[in-house]
Protein backbone atom coordinates (compact mmCIF):
# COMPACT_ATOMS: atom_id res chain seq x y z
CA MET A 1 -28.25 -17.33 23.81
CA VAL A 2 -27.80 -15.30 27.07
CA LEU A 3 -24.22 -14.69 28.30
CA ASP A 4 -23.97 -14.29 32.14
CA TRP A 5 -20.97 -12.11 32.54
CA ARG A 6 -21.04 -12.64 36.37
CA VAL A 7 -20.30 -16.34 35.81
CA MET A 8 -17.64 -15.52 33.08
CA GLY A 9 -15.90 -12.88 35.26
CA GLY A 10 -12.62 -11.55 33.86
CA SER A 11 -11.45 -14.83 32.12
CA TRP A 12 -9.73 -13.74 28.91
CA LEU A 13 -10.22 -17.22 27.45
CA MET A 14 -13.86 -17.15 28.38
CA ARG A 15 -14.09 -13.70 26.51
CA ALA A 16 -12.52 -15.06 23.57
CA ALA A 17 -14.72 -18.12 23.36
CA ALA A 18 -17.72 -15.66 23.61
CA VAL A 19 -16.36 -13.77 20.59
CA LEU A 20 -15.76 -16.78 18.51
CA THR A 21 -19.21 -18.20 19.41
CA ALA A 22 -20.88 -14.91 18.36
CA LEU A 23 -18.77 -15.05 14.95
CA VAL A 24 -19.34 -18.70 14.18
CA ILE A 25 -22.85 -19.70 15.28
CA PRO A 26 -24.83 -17.26 12.95
CA GLY A 27 -22.86 -18.83 10.03
CA VAL A 28 -23.64 -22.24 11.41
CA LEU A 29 -27.19 -21.84 11.98
CA SER A 30 -27.60 -20.22 8.40
CA THR A 31 -25.91 -23.08 6.66
CA PRO A 32 -28.13 -26.00 5.27
CA CYS A 33 -27.53 -29.39 6.86
CA ARG A 34 -27.03 -30.81 3.44
CA ALA A 35 -26.03 -29.29 0.20
CA GLU A 36 -25.64 -30.64 -3.36
CA LEU A 37 -22.48 -29.50 -4.87
CA ALA A 38 -21.91 -29.33 -8.42
CA PRO A 39 -18.81 -30.85 -9.95
CA GLU A 40 -16.17 -28.24 -10.19
CA GLU A 41 -14.95 -27.42 -13.67
CA GLN A 42 -11.30 -27.06 -13.66
CA PHE A 43 -8.68 -25.03 -15.92
CA GLN A 44 -11.06 -22.17 -16.33
CA VAL A 45 -9.54 -18.76 -17.01
CA ARG A 46 -11.45 -15.66 -16.31
CA THR A 47 -10.67 -12.30 -17.84
CA LEU A 48 -10.82 -8.87 -16.24
CA ALA A 49 -13.04 -6.16 -17.83
CA GLY A 50 -10.40 -4.05 -19.47
CA LEU A 51 -8.14 -1.71 -17.41
CA PRO A 52 -8.46 -1.49 -13.67
CA THR A 53 -11.36 0.63 -12.47
CA SER A 54 -10.91 3.56 -10.09
CA HIS A 55 -11.96 1.38 -7.07
CA TRP A 56 -9.63 -1.57 -7.48
CA VAL A 57 -6.86 -2.12 -5.18
CA TRP A 58 -3.66 -4.38 -5.19
CA VAL A 59 -2.69 -5.83 -1.84
CA ALA A 60 0.91 -7.17 -1.61
CA ASP A 61 1.46 -10.21 0.45
CA VAL A 62 5.07 -10.45 1.33
CA ALA A 63 4.96 -13.91 3.13
CA MET A 64 3.24 -15.54 0.02
CA GLN A 65 5.22 -13.38 -2.58
CA ARG A 66 2.30 -12.20 -4.40
CA SER A 67 -0.03 -9.35 -5.08
CA THR A 68 -3.82 -9.76 -5.04
CA LEU A 69 -6.28 -7.62 -6.90
CA PHE A 70 -9.53 -6.68 -5.21
CA ASP A 71 -12.70 -4.75 -6.08
CA GLY A 72 -13.21 -2.22 -3.45
CA ASP A 73 -16.90 -1.90 -4.16
CA THR A 74 -17.74 -5.58 -4.04
CA ALA A 75 -14.80 -6.79 -1.88
CA GLU A 76 -14.34 -9.53 -4.51
CA MET A 77 -11.00 -10.87 -5.19
CA LEU A 78 -10.32 -10.56 -8.99
CA GLY A 79 -6.92 -12.17 -9.33
CA MET A 80 -3.31 -12.32 -8.38
CA LEU A 81 0.27 -11.83 -9.49
CA ASN A 82 3.05 -14.00 -8.14
CA GLY A 83 6.63 -12.77 -7.73
CA GLY A 84 10.21 -14.19 -7.27
CA TYR A 85 12.20 -14.43 -4.02
CA ASN A 86 11.68 -10.93 -3.02
CA VAL A 87 11.02 -9.63 0.56
CA ARG A 88 9.75 -6.39 -0.97
CA GLY A 89 6.40 -7.82 -1.86
CA VAL A 90 4.99 -7.84 -5.41
CA ARG A 91 4.27 -4.03 -6.46
CA PRO A 92 2.44 -3.91 -9.68
CA HIS A 93 3.06 -0.82 -12.00
CA ILE A 94 0.22 -0.34 -14.39
CA SER A 95 0.47 1.02 -17.90
CA HIS A 96 -3.03 2.30 -19.07
CA THR A 97 -1.84 2.98 -22.60
CA ARG A 98 -0.22 -0.36 -23.20
CA GLY A 99 -2.70 -2.39 -21.11
CA GLU A 100 0.33 -4.10 -19.24
CA ILE A 101 1.45 -4.41 -15.74
CA TYR A 102 5.06 -4.50 -14.79
CA VAL A 103 6.68 -6.18 -11.78
CA ALA A 104 10.43 -6.26 -10.66
CA GLU A 105 11.34 -9.72 -9.81
CA THR A 106 14.24 -11.89 -8.58
CA VAL A 107 14.61 -15.52 -9.07
CA TYR A 108 17.22 -18.20 -8.79
CA ASP A 109 17.84 -21.06 -11.26
CA ARG A 110 18.02 -23.61 -8.42
CA GLY A 111 14.94 -22.51 -6.67
CA HIS A 112 16.01 -20.83 -3.49
CA ARG A 113 19.72 -21.04 -4.53
CA GLY A 114 21.98 -20.81 -7.59
CA ARG A 115 22.35 -18.06 -10.28
CA ARG A 116 20.43 -14.95 -9.51
CA ILE A 117 18.20 -13.64 -12.32
CA ASP A 118 16.65 -10.28 -12.01
CA MET A 119 13.93 -9.40 -14.52
CA VAL A 120 11.01 -7.08 -15.21
CA THR A 121 8.06 -9.42 -15.91
CA ILE A 122 5.18 -7.98 -18.19
CA TYR A 123 1.67 -9.06 -17.50
CA ASP A 124 -1.44 -8.76 -19.62
CA THR A 125 -4.21 -6.62 -17.66
CA THR A 126 -7.16 -8.68 -18.78
CA THR A 127 -5.82 -12.15 -18.30
CA LEU A 128 -2.82 -11.52 -15.85
CA ASN A 129 -0.84 -13.96 -17.89
CA VAL A 130 2.85 -13.26 -18.49
CA ALA A 131 3.24 -11.47 -21.80
CA GLY A 132 7.12 -11.00 -21.56
CA GLU A 133 10.05 -10.26 -19.53
CA VAL A 134 13.15 -8.33 -19.65
CA GLU A 135 16.42 -9.45 -17.95
CA ILE A 136 18.16 -6.74 -15.99
CA PRO A 137 21.42 -6.70 -13.95
CA PRO A 138 21.10 -8.92 -10.96
CA LYS A 139 21.31 -6.29 -8.31
CA SER A 140 17.97 -4.74 -7.63
CA ALA A 141 17.40 -3.43 -4.23
CA ASP A 142 15.19 -5.22 -1.71
CA ALA A 143 13.23 -4.02 1.07
CA GLY A 144 10.18 -5.24 2.98
CA HIS A 145 7.89 -2.27 2.30
CA GLY A 146 8.73 -2.10 -1.49
CA VAL A 147 8.46 1.73 -1.58
CA ALA A 148 10.22 3.70 -4.61
CA LEU A 149 12.30 0.52 -5.58
CA ALA A 150 10.90 0.81 -9.08
CA ALA A 151 9.08 3.53 -11.14
CA LEU A 152 7.09 3.77 -14.35
CA LEU A 153 7.74 7.08 -15.97
CA ASP A 154 4.80 9.25 -16.91
CA ASP A 155 4.81 8.51 -20.73
CA GLU A 156 4.90 4.79 -19.82
CA ARG A 157 7.82 4.19 -22.02
CA PHE A 158 10.56 3.59 -19.60
CA PHE A 159 10.53 1.48 -16.50
CA LEU A 160 13.21 2.09 -13.73
CA VAL A 161 14.50 -0.28 -11.16
CA PHE A 162 16.75 0.88 -8.28
CA ASN A 163 19.93 -1.20 -7.61
CA GLN A 164 22.06 -1.41 -4.41
CA THR A 165 25.12 -3.54 -3.99
CA PRO A 166 25.75 -1.50 -1.79
CA ALA A 167 26.64 0.93 -4.62
CA SER A 168 23.53 2.65 -5.88
CA SER A 169 22.47 2.81 -9.56
CA VAL A 170 19.26 2.65 -11.70
CA SER A 171 18.39 0.06 -14.42
CA VAL A 172 16.53 1.53 -17.31
CA VAL A 173 13.99 -0.81 -19.39
CA ASP A 174 12.50 0.16 -22.73
CA LEU A 175 8.95 -1.09 -22.46
CA GLU A 176 8.35 -0.50 -26.23
CA THR A 177 11.25 -2.54 -27.38
CA ARG A 178 11.10 -4.81 -24.22
CA SER A 179 14.78 -4.57 -23.75
CA PHE A 180 17.38 -3.37 -21.14
CA VAL A 181 18.73 -0.10 -22.04
CA THR A 182 21.44 0.96 -19.60
CA GLU A 183 22.45 1.22 -15.99
CA ILE A 184 22.87 4.61 -14.48
CA ASP A 185 25.24 5.17 -11.53
CA THR A 186 23.79 7.37 -8.81
CA PRO A 187 26.27 7.56 -5.92
CA GLY A 188 24.98 8.81 -2.65
CA CYS A 189 21.42 8.79 -3.84
CA ALA A 190 18.70 6.17 -3.57
CA LEU A 191 15.20 5.06 -4.72
CA VAL A 192 13.35 6.21 -7.89
CA TYR A 193 10.37 8.62 -8.17
CA SER A 194 8.86 9.42 -11.45
CA ALA A 195 8.89 13.30 -12.22
CA GLY A 196 7.54 13.41 -15.81
CA PRO A 197 7.51 11.74 -19.22
CA ARG A 198 11.30 10.98 -19.12
CA ARG A 199 12.51 12.13 -15.77
CA PHE A 200 12.88 10.95 -12.18
CA PHE A 201 14.43 12.01 -9.14
CA MET A 202 16.15 10.42 -6.07
CA LEU A 203 16.56 11.20 -2.43
CA CYS A 204 20.25 11.76 -1.42
CA GLY A 205 22.20 11.41 1.89
CA ASN A 206 23.17 15.20 1.85
CA GLY A 207 19.58 16.11 2.24
CA LYS A 208 19.01 17.04 -1.49
CA ALA A 209 16.97 15.51 -4.25
CA MET A 210 18.73 14.78 -7.56
CA LEU A 211 16.72 14.99 -10.82
CA ILE A 212 17.75 12.95 -13.88
CA GLU A 213 16.51 13.40 -17.46
CA LEU A 214 16.52 10.68 -20.10
CA ASP A 215 16.53 10.97 -24.00
CA ALA A 216 14.24 9.34 -26.43
CA ALA A 217 16.38 6.22 -26.09
CA GLY A 218 16.29 5.95 -22.45
CA ARG A 219 19.90 7.25 -21.72
CA GLU A 220 20.88 10.11 -19.22
CA THR A 221 21.18 13.54 -20.75
CA SER A 222 21.43 15.60 -17.58
CA ARG A 223 21.21 15.61 -13.73
CA ALA A 224 20.52 18.47 -11.34
CA GLU A 225 20.59 18.67 -7.51
CA GLY A 226 18.34 21.12 -5.60
CA GLU A 227 19.01 22.68 -2.34
CA ALA A 228 19.08 20.55 0.74
CA PHE A 229 15.56 20.59 2.27
CA PHE A 230 15.98 18.07 5.10
CA ASP A 231 18.54 16.82 7.71
CA SER A 232 19.37 13.26 7.35
CA VAL A 233 20.86 13.10 10.82
CA THR A 234 18.64 15.44 13.12
CA ASP A 235 15.31 15.03 11.38
CA PRO A 236 15.37 12.60 8.47
CA ILE A 237 12.41 12.35 6.16
CA SER A 238 10.51 9.11 5.37
CA GLU A 239 10.97 7.76 1.89
CA LYS A 240 7.28 6.82 1.70
CA GLY A 241 6.18 9.90 -0.29
CA ALA A 242 2.84 10.84 -1.94
CA ARG A 243 2.62 12.50 -5.30
CA ALA A 244 0.01 15.29 -6.64
CA GLY A 245 0.85 16.31 -10.10
CA GLY A 246 4.36 17.88 -10.17
CA SER A 247 4.87 17.81 -6.45
CA TRP A 248 5.82 15.09 -4.06
CA PHE A 249 5.06 15.15 -0.36
CA PHE A 250 7.40 13.76 2.23
CA VAL A 251 7.05 13.94 5.97
CA SER A 252 10.01 13.83 8.61
CA PHE A 253 10.09 11.73 11.71
CA ASP A 254 9.22 14.72 13.77
CA GLY A 255 6.09 15.24 11.64
CA ASN A 256 7.13 18.07 9.37
CA LEU A 257 5.66 17.92 5.85
CA PHE A 258 7.92 18.91 2.96
CA GLU A 259 6.60 19.64 -0.66
CA LEU A 260 9.00 18.94 -3.44
CA ASP A 261 8.29 20.54 -6.71
CA VAL A 262 9.89 18.45 -9.41
CA SER A 263 8.30 19.98 -12.53
CA GLY A 264 11.11 22.43 -13.42
CA PRO A 265 14.64 21.89 -14.29
CA THR A 266 15.82 21.31 -10.65
CA PRO A 267 13.90 19.99 -7.46
CA VAL A 268 12.53 22.95 -5.64
CA PRO A 269 11.32 22.37 -1.86
CA SER A 270 8.90 24.48 -0.01
CA GLU A 271 9.07 25.48 3.59
CA PRO A 272 8.00 22.72 5.72
CA TRP A 273 4.98 22.77 7.88
CA PRO A 274 3.99 20.77 11.02
CA LEU A 275 1.31 18.02 10.71
CA ILE A 276 1.73 17.54 14.54
CA SER A 277 1.22 20.41 17.12
CA PRO A 278 3.73 21.02 19.91
CA SER A 279 1.07 19.75 22.59
CA GLU A 280 0.30 16.79 20.21
CA ARG A 281 4.01 15.80 20.28
CA GLU A 282 4.20 16.07 24.01
CA GLU A 283 1.23 13.55 24.00
CA GLY A 284 3.47 11.18 21.96
CA TRP A 285 1.75 11.55 18.63
CA ARG A 286 3.85 10.89 15.50
CA VAL A 287 3.64 9.72 12.03
CA GLY A 288 4.38 5.99 11.31
CA GLY A 289 3.72 2.83 9.41
CA THR A 290 5.08 1.23 6.25
CA GLN A 291 2.82 3.25 3.80
CA HIS A 292 1.56 6.23 5.89
CA LEU A 293 0.86 9.07 3.51
CA ALA A 294 -1.74 9.39 0.71
CA VAL A 295 -3.10 12.32 -1.17
CA HIS A 296 -6.39 12.85 -2.95
CA LYS A 297 -5.46 15.04 -5.83
CA ALA A 298 -8.84 16.59 -6.74
CA THR A 299 -9.65 17.84 -3.25
CA ARG A 300 -5.92 18.44 -2.25
CA ARG A 301 -6.32 16.22 0.81
CA LEU A 302 -3.45 14.62 2.62
CA TYR A 303 -4.15 11.59 4.66
CA SER A 304 -1.42 10.91 7.27
CA LEU A 305 -1.32 7.70 9.53
CA VAL A 306 -0.41 8.51 13.11
CA HIS A 307 0.21 6.82 16.30
CA LYS A 308 1.36 7.49 19.97
CA GLY A 309 4.91 6.19 20.39
CA GLY A 310 8.50 7.23 21.24
CA PRO A 311 11.58 7.68 19.12
CA GLY A 312 12.24 4.74 16.73
CA SER A 313 8.50 3.72 16.60
CA HIS A 314 8.11 5.10 13.06
CA LYS A 315 7.24 1.77 11.52
CA ASP A 316 4.56 0.97 14.23
CA PRO A 317 0.84 0.82 13.04
CA GLY A 318 -1.36 3.78 13.13
CA GLU A 319 -4.21 4.49 15.57
CA GLU A 320 -5.73 7.30 13.68
CA ILE A 321 -5.72 8.96 10.25
CA TRP A 322 -5.37 12.74 10.26
CA VAL A 323 -6.73 14.54 7.21
CA TYR A 324 -5.27 17.82 6.03
CA ASP A 325 -6.06 20.60 3.46
CA LEU A 326 -2.68 21.05 1.55
CA ASP A 327 -3.64 24.48 0.49
CA ASP A 328 -4.87 25.94 3.80
CA LYS A 329 -2.18 23.76 5.65
CA ARG A 330 -4.58 22.71 8.37
CA ARG A 331 -6.18 19.65 9.78
CA LEU A 332 -9.65 18.81 8.64
CA SER A 333 -10.60 15.68 10.52
CA ARG A 334 -9.37 12.59 12.45
CA ILE A 335 -10.52 9.28 11.35
CA PRO A 336 -9.98 6.42 14.06
CA VAL A 337 -8.52 3.22 12.76
CA GLY A 338 -11.14 0.53 13.57
CA ASN A 339 -10.36 -2.89 14.83
CA VAL A 340 -9.34 -4.79 11.64
CA LEU A 341 -9.34 -8.07 13.72
CA ILE A 342 -13.10 -7.99 13.61
CA PRO A 343 -13.90 -8.31 9.86
CA PHE A 344 -10.77 -10.22 9.47
CA LEU A 345 -11.93 -12.97 11.87
CA ARG A 346 -15.40 -12.93 10.39
CA THR A 347 -14.14 -13.49 6.90
CA GLN A 348 -11.66 -16.17 7.97
CA LEU A 349 -14.26 -17.97 10.12
CA LEU A 350 -17.42 -17.69 7.85
CA GLY A 351 -15.78 -16.94 4.58
CA THR A 352 -18.12 -13.88 4.26
CA VAL A 353 -17.71 -10.19 3.75
CA THR A 354 -18.93 -7.76 6.18
CA LYS A 355 -20.62 -4.75 4.70
CA ALA A 356 -21.80 -1.92 6.66
CA ASP A 357 -23.91 -0.82 3.75
CA ASP A 358 -25.81 -4.14 3.40
CA GLU A 359 -29.51 -3.39 4.15
CA GLU A 360 -29.81 -6.91 5.89
CA THR A 361 -27.02 -6.43 8.31
CA GLU A 362 -26.68 -2.73 8.79
CA GLY A 363 -27.05 -1.67 12.47
CA SER A 364 -28.24 -5.34 13.36
CA LEU A 365 -28.14 -6.38 16.90
CA LEU A 366 -25.92 -9.33 15.99
CA ASP A 367 -23.24 -7.08 14.20
CA GLY A 368 -23.43 -4.78 17.37
CA LEU A 369 -22.92 -7.69 19.58
CA ILE A 370 -19.97 -9.07 17.58
CA GLU A 371 -18.12 -5.63 17.58
CA THR A 372 -18.82 -4.92 21.21
CA LEU A 373 -17.38 -8.44 22.42
CA ALA A 374 -14.53 -8.18 19.94
CA ASN A 375 -13.30 -4.76 21.03
CA TRP A 376 -13.65 -5.93 24.63
CA VAL A 377 -11.48 -8.96 24.01
CA LEU A 378 -9.13 -8.20 21.20
CA PRO A 379 -6.57 -5.52 21.11
CA ASN A 380 -6.71 -3.18 18.06
CA PRO A 381 -3.69 -3.95 15.81
CA GLY A 382 -3.88 -0.66 14.03
CA ALA A 383 -3.00 -0.10 10.42
CA HIS A 384 0.33 -0.13 8.69
CA SER A 385 -0.62 1.04 5.13
CA ILE A 386 -3.11 3.36 3.61
CA ALA A 387 -4.13 4.39 0.08
CA VAL A 388 -6.79 6.55 -1.45
CA THR A 389 -8.42 6.27 -4.89
CA GLN A 390 -8.46 9.18 -7.29
CA ASP A 391 -12.14 9.46 -8.39
CA ASP A 392 -14.91 11.72 -7.32
CA GLU A 393 -16.15 9.22 -4.65
CA PRO A 394 -12.71 8.17 -3.34
CA LEU A 395 -12.33 5.07 -1.24
CA LEU A 396 -9.66 5.00 1.68
CA PHE A 397 -8.12 1.62 2.28
CA MET A 398 -6.40 0.54 5.37
CA SER A 399 -4.41 -2.57 5.98
CA ASN A 400 -2.55 -4.24 8.80
CA GLY A 401 0.73 -5.74 7.48
CA GLU A 402 0.77 -8.66 9.91
CA ILE A 403 -2.55 -10.40 9.73
CA GLY A 404 -3.81 -9.68 6.12
CA ALA A 405 -6.58 -7.58 7.03
CA VAL A 406 -7.89 -4.67 4.90
CA THR A 407 -10.96 -2.34 5.49
CA VAL A 408 -12.56 -0.20 2.99
CA HIS A 409 -13.68 3.32 3.92
CA ASP A 410 -15.43 6.38 2.47
CA ALA A 411 -12.43 8.70 2.09
CA LEU A 412 -14.44 11.98 2.56
CA SER A 413 -16.34 10.95 5.60
CA GLY A 414 -14.13 8.19 7.03
CA GLY A 415 -16.87 5.75 7.70
CA GLN A 416 -16.11 2.05 7.20
CA LEU A 417 -18.00 0.45 4.28
CA ARG A 418 -16.78 -3.10 4.22
CA ALA A 419 -13.77 -5.52 4.55
CA LEU A 420 -12.03 -7.24 1.85
CA ALA A 421 -12.11 -11.04 1.67
CA PRO A 422 -9.14 -12.63 3.20
CA THR A 423 -6.12 -11.26 1.53
CA GLY A 424 -3.46 -13.82 2.47
CA VAL A 425 -0.94 -14.19 5.39
CA THR A 426 0.09 -10.41 5.36
CA ALA A 427 -1.27 -7.23 3.73
CA GLY A 428 1.68 -4.88 2.81
CA ARG A 429 1.80 -2.24 0.25
CA LEU A 430 -1.49 -1.08 -1.23
CA VAL A 431 -1.66 0.00 -4.87
CA VAL A 432 -4.60 1.86 -6.45
CA PRO A 433 -4.88 3.12 -10.15
């Protein structure tokens, strides 16, 4: 097929038709005219091969109230967990020692109305079947991004859920006895971040972090505040932090990175350093997205999702991912966020997964034509969330939260490897082992 651009002119509709034609026709031509389909065997239950591998990723879909598990190497969908009536999305917390997954859920006894019931639901990691549940006070906080609304402490004995009514508190669940332990009042502080076997911290409105210790029964034994390390009025930090060992990293709206050491008796902040230079700030570069930081612990690399925008654009999708050396405090590389609409449309229309490392399609004329046409017609929606696996050959996942598109990249080179099969209506928070 030869496309005469002089005839097509600048018609956006004609350009879109060309893209769809390039996407659909190869699949149509390669599909047999007649196929014998075997009867589908119903009510089969597959099991997963043990605990999650290093390249598995959970993709939360707020619209469908579920989280879907994918294999980042094969792009295959492995299973999913459904949640309650939350807008925070289903965020799985994985226990490797117990072989369980924990999700904070909210349901109502009349479907969408009636008595509210909050619970921590326990799933088996191999079947994804419900293995138990623990009812907690019906006051758990809800937010679209689902960041730090619950936490599994490092010894995997206690699970915490942040409450807001608007008074703030924390519900403690004992996973060994599968019982609710207590509710800890935390006025002025919000969210929960794991800081050790039986300790967690919260961010407070006065610019400090508060560290709380638990005893063997899950009850509070002490709390301590560190010194103020951010200004919640002039330059607040984003709550979307990333952890590496005993430190958490948070970035301010102006692009300053803060390291918070929570390994000692009190939280200790370090001197912040800028991720964005003054000249880059003048160009409009700033950090943004719904999950915009990730750390690869072994290489001490920080990944930051950035875009060009003005004040108040901190939730806008990112155009690039800037990679930093945390020890040298310098930028190593810039990874462009590709047009996720291209693999998304292909998977939606053809039901196939694009793979740049597939010998049959790598560098093919067809793929080049599709990419050229799509980039010409379709705007790049950017990425809202990123996540990095923690193995020696790490993968970098990028997702757009509005169209359910997720691409998989080599975290060290930044090159795109493949796209996940259709993830759902949206693709929110990403969770890797």
